[in-house]
Structures are given as C-alpha cells and as structure tokens.
C-alpha cells in the first residue's frame, strides 16, 4: 500500500445510502402517527434489537412505562 493512502474503516455514508428509503419511510410513519413513545414502531424496534442481540427476553418500554 502506498504511504499516505487512507483506508476508510467505516463508511457510514454508504451504509446510510443503502437503507435510506427504509429509514425515511420509518421516520415518516412515526412523525405521521405522532406515537413517539409506546407506538408500534417502537415495539418493532425493541423486538429487532432483542433478536439482533440474541436476547431470549426483552423488557418492553410498555412494562416500564406502566409501573
């Protein structure tokens, strides 16, 4: 590798470009519904994070908010 050549370790711009339409649609859905807390998109996000992290159980925000 030539000296001074920069190798990007993380290209967030390219990653965002690949999923921009999906992100924009999700953000627009939340903004339209105005359900920023305890809405269906929050639940979907919690479930996706639990699945991604390999958690057997998750603590949904609904149970925390109702205490």
PDB file of N, CA and C in Angstrom:
ATOM      1  N   UNK A   1       0.851  -1.181   0.000  1.00  0.00           N
ATOM      2  CA  UNK A   1       0.000   0.000   0.000  1.00  0.00           C
ATOM      3  C   UNK A   1       0.890   1.234   0.000  1.00  0.00           C
ATOM      4  N   UNK A   2       0.609   2.183  -0.871  1.00  0.00           N
ATOM      5  CA  UNK A   2       1.419   3.406  -0.906  1.00  0.00           C
ATOM      6  C   UNK A   2       1.292   4.183   0.402  1.00  0.00           C
ATOM      7  N   UNK A   3       2.394   4.786   0.804  1.00  0.00           N
ATOM      8  CA  UNK A   3       2.392   5.554   2.036  1.00  0.00           C
ATOM      9  C   UNK A   3       1.437   6.740   1.894  1.00  0.00           C
ATOM     10  N   UNK A   4       0.683   6.999   2.954  1.00  0.00           N
ATOM     11  CA  UNK A   4      -0.254   8.111   2.950  1.00  0.00           C
ATOM     12  C   UNK A   4      -1.630   7.751   2.399  1.00  0.00           C
ATOM     13  N   UNK A   5      -1.808   6.530   1.902  1.00  0.00           N
ATOM     14  CA  UNK A   5      -3.115   6.115   1.384  1.00  0.00           C
ATOM     15  C   UNK A   5      -4.041   5.834   2.556  1.00  0.00           C
ATOM     16  N   UNK A   6      -5.206   6.426   2.534  1.00  0.00           N
ATOM     17  CA  UNK A   6      -6.166   6.261   3.634  1.00  0.00           C
ATOM     18  C   UNK A   6      -7.167   5.168   3.279  1.00  0.00           C
ATOM     19  N   UNK A   7      -7.380   4.269   4.221  1.00  0.00           N
ATOM     20  CA  UNK A   7      -8.352   3.191   4.059  1.00  0.00           C
ATOM     21  C   UNK A   7      -9.490   3.463   5.031  1.00  0.00           C
ATOM     22  N   UNK A   8     -10.682   3.737   4.538  1.00  0.00           N
ATOM     23  CA  UNK A   8     -11.787   4.014   5.454  1.00  0.00           C
ATOM     24  C   UNK A   8     -12.170   2.751   6.234  1.00  0.00           C
ATOM     25  N   UNK A   9     -12.294   2.904   7.532  1.00  0.00           N
ATOM     26  CA  UNK A   9     -12.667   1.772   8.374  1.00  0.00           C
ATOM     27  C   UNK A   9     -14.182   1.611   8.444  1.00  0.00           C
ATOM     28  N   UNK A  10     -14.876   2.722   8.343  1.00  0.00           N
ATOM     29  CA  UNK A  10     -16.325   2.685   8.480  1.00  0.00           C
ATOM     30  C   UNK A  10     -16.920   3.747   7.572  1.00  0.00           C
ATOM     31  N   UNK A  11     -17.675   3.327   6.589  1.00  0.00           N
ATOM     32  CA  UNK A  11     -18.268   4.277   5.644  1.00  0.00           C
ATOM     33  C   UNK A  11     -19.765   4.390   5.937  1.00  0.00           C
ATOM     34  N   UNK A  12     -20.093   5.229   6.908  1.00  0.00           N
ATOM     35  CA  UNK A  12     -21.498   5.392   7.302  1.00  0.00           C
ATOM     36  C   UNK A  12     -22.343   5.992   6.187  1.00  0.00           C
ATOM     37  N   UNK A  13     -21.751   6.838   5.374  1.00  0.00           N
ATOM     38  CA  UNK A  13     -22.496   7.461   4.278  1.00  0.00           C
ATOM     39  C   UNK A  13     -22.986   6.392   3.295  1.00  0.00           C
ATOM     40  N   UNK A  14     -22.130   5.447   2.963  1.00  0.00           N
ATOM     41  CA  UNK A  14     -22.511   4.363   2.053  1.00  0.00           C
ATOM     42  C   UNK A  14     -23.538   3.449   2.696  1.00  0.00           C
ATOM     43  N   UNK A  15     -23.368   3.168   3.985  1.00  0.00           N
ATOM     44  CA  UNK A  15     -24.333   2.321   4.682  1.00  0.00           C
ATOM     45  C   UNK A  15     -25.703   2.995   4.720  1.00  0.00           C
ATOM     46  N   UNK A  16     -25.722   4.292   5.028  1.00  0.00           N
ATOM     47  CA  UNK A  16     -26.981   5.028   5.075  1.00  0.00           C
ATOM     48  C   UNK A  16     -27.642   5.067   3.698  1.00  0.00           C
ATOM     49  N   UNK A  17     -26.858   5.284   2.667  1.00  0.00           N
ATOM     50  CA  UNK A  17     -27.411   5.348   1.311  1.00  0.00           C
ATOM     51  C   UNK A  17     -28.115   4.047   0.937  1.00  0.00           C
ATOM     52  N   UNK A  18     -27.581   2.929   1.419  1.00  0.00           N
ATOM     53  CA  UNK A  18     -28.154   1.626   1.088  1.00  0.00           C
ATOM     54  C   UNK A  18     -29.510   1.399   1.752  1.00  0.00           C
ATOM     55  N   UNK A  19     -29.774   2.072   2.887  1.00  0.00           N
ATOM     56  CA  UNK A  19     -31.035   1.846   3.612  1.00  0.00           C
ATOM     57  C   UNK A  19     -31.843   3.130   3.801  1.00  0.00           C
ATOM     58  N   UNK A  20     -31.459   4.192   3.075  1.00  0.00           N
ATOM     59  CA  UNK A  20     -32.098   5.499   3.228  1.00  0.00           C
ATOM     60  C   UNK A  20     -33.612   5.454   3.033  1.00  0.00           C
ATOM     61  N   UNK A  21     -34.080   4.788   2.019  1.00  0.00           N
ATOM     62  CA  UNK A  21     -35.526   4.740   1.750  1.00  0.00           C
ATOM     63  C   UNK A  21     -36.278   4.097   2.911  1.00  0.00           C
ATOM     64  N   UNK A  22     -35.724   3.021   3.463  1.00  0.00           N
ATOM     65  CA  UNK A  22     -36.364   2.330   4.593  1.00  0.00           C
ATOM     66  C   UNK A  22     -36.369   3.217   5.841  1.00  0.00           C
ATOM     67  N   UNK A  23     -35.264   3.888   6.102  1.00  0.00           N
ATOM     68  CA  UNK A  23     -35.185   4.782   7.263  1.00  0.00           C
ATOM     69  C   UNK A  23     -36.157   5.942   7.103  1.00  0.00           C
ATOM     70  N   UNK A  24     -36.156   6.561   5.930  1.00  0.00           N
ATOM     71  CA  UNK A  24     -37.047   7.697   5.682  1.00  0.00           C
ATOM     72  C   UNK A  24     -38.517   7.300   5.849  1.00  0.00           C
ATOM     73  N   UNK A  25     -38.883   6.126   5.353  1.00  0.00           N
ATOM     74  CA  UNK A  25     -40.264   5.660   5.473  1.00  0.00           C
ATOM     75  C   UNK A  25     -40.634   5.424   6.941  1.00  0.00           C
ATOM     76  N   UNK A  26     -39.730   4.838   7.710  1.00  0.00           N
ATOM     77  CA  UNK A  26     -40.000   4.582   9.130  1.00  0.00           C
ATOM     78  C   UNK A  26     -40.122   5.873   9.921  1.00  0.00           C
ATOM     79  N   UNK A  27     -39.223   6.812   9.664  1.00  0.00           N
ATOM     80  CA  UNK A  27     -39.282   8.100  10.353  1.00  0.00           C
ATOM     81  C   UNK A  27     -40.573   8.832   9.984  1.00  0.00           C
ATOM     82  N   UNK A  28     -40.943   8.814   8.718  1.00  0.00           N
ATOM     83  CA  UNK A  28     -42.180   9.474   8.281  1.00  0.00           C
ATOM     84  C   UNK A  28     -43.400   8.833   8.944  1.00  0.00           C
ATOM     85  N   UNK A  29     -43.395   7.514   9.083  1.00  0.00           N
ATOM     86  CA  UNK A  29     -44.519   6.823   9.727  1.00  0.00           C
ATOM     87  C   UNK A  29     -44.665   7.258  11.182  1.00  0.00           C
ATOM     88  N   UNK A  30     -43.548   7.361  11.895  1.00  0.00           N
ATOM     89  CA  UNK A  30     -43.592   7.810  13.289  1.00  0.00           C
ATOM     90  C   UNK A  30     -44.049   9.260  13.364  1.00  0.00           C
ATOM     91  N   UNK A  31     -43.542  10.101  12.483  1.00  0.00           N
ATOM     92  CA  UNK A  31     -43.939  11.508  12.500  1.00  0.00           C
ATOM     93  C   UNK A  31     -45.422  11.677  12.183  1.00  0.00           C
ATOM     94  N   UNK A  32     -45.929  10.907  11.235  1.00  0.00           N
ATOM     95  CA  UNK A  32     -47.353  10.983  10.883  1.00  0.00           C
ATOM     96  C   UNK A  32     -48.241  10.534  12.039  1.00  0.00           C
ATOM     97  N   UNK A  33     -47.838   9.455  12.716  1.00  0.00           N
ATOM     98  CA  UNK A  33     -48.652   8.905  13.803  1.00  0.00           C
ATOM     99  C   UNK A  33     -48.505   9.689  15.098  1.00  0.00           C
ATOM    100  N   UNK A  34     -47.368  10.401  15.245  1.00  0.00           N
ATOM    101  CA  UNK A  34     -47.041  11.128  16.470  1.00  0.00           C
ATOM    102  C   UNK A  34     -46.941  10.205  17.690  1.00  0.00           C
ATOM    103  N   UNK A  35     -46.699   8.919  17.460  1.00  0.00           N
ATOM    104  CA  UNK A  35     -46.541   7.952  18.547  1.00  0.00           C
ATOM    105  C   UNK A  35     -45.049   7.739  18.781  1.00  0.00           C
ATOM    106  N   UNK A  36     -44.438   8.688  19.484  1.00  0.00           N
ATOM    107  CA  UNK A  36     -43.003   8.637  19.721  1.00  0.00           C
ATOM    108  C   UNK A  36     -42.665   7.678  20.861  1.00  0.00           C
ATOM    109  N   UNK A  37     -43.611   7.465  21.764  1.00  0.00           N
ATOM    110  CA  UNK A  37     -43.422   6.583  22.910  1.00  0.00           C
ATOM    111  C   UNK A  37     -44.542   5.548  22.874  1.00  0.00           C
ATOM    112  N   UNK A  38     -44.182   4.291  23.010  1.00  0.00           N
ATOM    113  CA  UNK A  38     -45.133   3.174  23.069  1.00  0.00           C
ATOM    114  C   UNK A  38     -45.889   2.936  21.769  1.00  0.00           C
ATOM    115  N   UNK A  39     -45.419   3.474  20.682  1.00  0.00           N
ATOM    116  CA  UNK A  39     -46.066   3.244  19.401  1.00  0.00           C
ATOM    117  C   UNK A  39     -45.622   1.930  18.775  1.00  0.00           C
ATOM    118  N   UNK A  40     -46.273   1.530  17.696  1.00  0.00           N
ATOM    119  CA  UNK A  40     -45.942   0.263  17.047  1.00  0.00           C
ATOM    120  C   UNK A  40     -44.523   0.224  16.485  1.00  0.00           C
ATOM    121  N   UNK A  41     -43.995   1.360  16.021  1.00  0.00           N
ATOM    122  CA  UNK A  41     -42.628   1.381  15.507  1.00  0.00           C
ATOM    123  C   UNK A  41     -41.617   1.165  16.632  1.00  0.00           C
ATOM    124  N   UNK A  42     -41.923   1.688  17.831  1.00  0.00           N
ATOM    125  CA  UNK A  42     -41.040   1.479  18.984  1.00  0.00           C
ATOM    126  C   UNK A  42     -41.006  -0.004  19.331  1.00  0.00           C
ATOM    127  N   UNK A  43     -42.166  -0.628  19.334  1.00  0.00           N
ATOM    128  CA  UNK A  43     -42.243  -2.063  19.636  1.00  0.00           C
ATOM    129  C   UNK A  43     -41.453  -2.870  18.594  1.00  0.00           C
ATOM    130  N   UNK A  44     -41.611  -2.540  17.319  1.00  0.00           N
ATOM    131  CA  UNK A  44     -40.869  -3.240  16.267  1.00  0.00           C
ATOM    132  C   UNK A  44     -39.366  -3.070  16.457  1.00  0.00           C
ATOM    133  N   UNK A  45     -38.957  -1.871  16.846  1.00  0.00           N
ATOM    134  CA  UNK A  45     -37.536  -1.604  17.077  1.00  0.00           C
ATOM    135  C   UNK A  45     -37.021  -2.430  18.255  1.00  0.00           C
ATOM    136  N   UNK A  46     -37.782  -2.462  19.351  1.00  0.00           N
ATOM    137  CA  UNK A  46     -37.385  -3.242  20.524  1.00  0.00           C
ATOM    138  C   UNK A  46     -37.234  -4.717  20.169  1.00  0.00           C
ATOM    139  N   UNK A  47     -38.175  -5.241  19.407  1.00  0.00           N
ATOM    140  CA  UNK A  47     -38.133  -6.647  19.014  1.00  0.00           C
ATOM    141  C   UNK A  47     -36.931  -6.924  18.113  1.00  0.00           C
ATOM    142  N   UNK A  48     -36.639  -6.008  17.194  1.00  0.00           N
ATOM    143  CA  UNK A  48     -35.498  -6.191  16.292  1.00  0.00           C
ATOM    144  C   UNK A  48     -34.182  -6.149  17.053  1.00  0.00           C
ATOM    145  N   UNK A  49     -34.071  -5.236  18.018  1.00  0.00           N
ATOM    146  CA  UNK A  49     -32.846  -5.142  18.818  1.00  0.00           C
ATOM    147  C   UNK A  49     -32.674  -6.400  19.666  1.00  0.00           C
ATOM    148  N   UNK A  50     -33.759  -6.893  20.251  1.00  0.00           N
ATOM    149  CA  UNK A  50     -33.686  -8.119  21.056  1.00  0.00           C
ATOM    150  C   UNK A  50     -33.255  -9.301  20.203  1.00  0.00           C
ATOM    151  N   UNK A  51     -33.813  -9.405  19.003  1.00  0.00           N
ATOM    152  CA  UNK A  51     -33.441 -10.502  18.104  1.00  0.00           C
ATOM    153  C   UNK A  51     -31.988 -10.377  17.664  1.00  0.00           C
ATOM    154  N   UNK A  52     -31.589  -9.174  17.298  1.00  0.00           N
ATOM    155  CA  UNK A  52     -30.224  -8.943  16.828  1.00  0.00           C
ATOM    156  C   UNK A  52     -29.201  -9.253  17.923  1.00  0.00           C
ATOM    157  N   UNK A  53     -29.529  -8.877  19.160  1.00  0.00           N
ATOM    158  CA  UNK A  53     -28.585  -9.063  20.262  1.00  0.00           C
ATOM    159  C   UNK A  53     -28.630 -10.469  20.841  1.00  0.00           C
ATOM    160  N   UNK A  54     -29.579 -11.282  20.372  1.00  0.00           N
ATOM    161  CA  UNK A  54     -29.656 -12.659  20.841  1.00  0.00           C
ATOM    162  C   UNK A  54     -30.284 -12.799  22.208  1.00  0.00           C
ATOM    163  N   UNK A  55     -31.036 -11.810  22.630  1.00  0.00           N
ATOM    164  CA  UNK A  55     -31.695 -11.870  23.941  1.00  0.00           C
ATOM    165  C   UNK A  55     -32.886 -12.813  23.875  1.00  0.00           C
ATOM    166  N   UNK A  56     -33.004 -13.652  24.892  1.00  0.00           N
ATOM    167  CA  UNK A  56     -34.152 -14.550  24.958  1.00  0.00           C
ATOM    168  C   UNK A  56     -35.406 -13.774  25.333  1.00  0.00           C
ATOM    169  N   UNK A  57     -35.227 -12.735  26.122  1.00  0.00           N
ATOM    170  CA  UNK A  57     -36.358 -11.919  26.582  1.00  0.00           C
ATOM    171  C   UNK A  57     -35.964 -10.462  26.484  1.00  0.00           C
ATOM    172  N   UNK A  58     -36.962  -9.657  26.291  1.00  0.00           N
ATOM    173  CA  UNK A  58     -36.706  -8.221  26.290  1.00  0.00           C
ATOM    174  C   UNK A  58     -37.648  -7.558  27.275  1.00  0.00           C
ATOM    175  N   UNK A  59     -37.278  -6.414  27.758  1.00  0.00           N
ATOM    176  CA  UNK A  59     -38.137  -5.652  28.658  1.00  0.00           C
ATOM    177  C   UNK A  59     -38.741  -4.540  27.825  1.00  0.00           C
ATOM    178  N   UNK A  60     -39.984  -4.714  27.412  1.00  0.00           N
ATOM    179  CA  UNK A  60     -40.589  -3.691  26.553  1.00  0.00           C
ATOM    180  C   UNK A  60     -40.824  -2.398  27.312  1.00  0.00           C
ATOM    181  N   UNK A  61     -40.774  -1.288  26.614  1.00  0.00           N
ATOM    182  CA  UNK A  61     -40.990   0.008  27.235  1.00  0.00           C
ATOM    183  C   UNK A  61     -42.384   0.116  27.849  1.00  0.00           C
ATOM    184  N   UNK A  62     -43.331  -0.670  27.338  1.00  0.00           N
ATOM    185  CA  UNK A  62     -44.682  -0.637  27.889  1.00  0.00           C
ATOM    186  C   UNK A  62     -44.690  -1.046  29.359  1.00  0.00           C
ATOM    187  N   UNK A  63     -43.940  -2.083  29.719  1.00  0.00           N
ATOM    188  CA  UNK A  63     -43.956  -2.539  31.102  1.00  0.00           C
ATOM    189  C   UNK A  63     -43.250  -1.537  32.009  1.00  0.00           C
ATOM    190  N   UNK A  64     -42.259  -0.836  31.498  1.00  0.00           N
ATOM    191  CA  UNK A  64     -41.561   0.170  32.294  1.00  0.00           C
ATOM    192  C   UNK A  64     -42.456   1.381  32.477  1.00  0.00           C
ATOM    193  N   UNK A  65     -43.145   1.782  31.429  1.00  0.00           N
ATOM    194  CA  UNK A  65     -43.973   2.986  31.466  1.00  0.00           C
ATOM    195  C   UNK A  65     -45.205   2.820  32.332  1.00  0.00           C
ATOM    196  N   UNK A  66     -45.633   1.586  32.563  1.00  0.00           N
ATOM    197  CA  UNK A  66     -46.863   1.371  33.346  1.00  0.00           C
ATOM    198  C   UNK A  66     -46.586   1.146  34.821  1.00  0.00           C
ATOM    199  N   UNK A  67     -45.318   1.193  35.221  1.00  0.00           N
ATOM    200  CA  UNK A  67     -45.003   0.990  36.646  1.00  0.00           C
ATOM    201  C   UNK A  67     -45.212   2.239  37.428  1.00  0.00           C
TER     202      UNK A  67
END
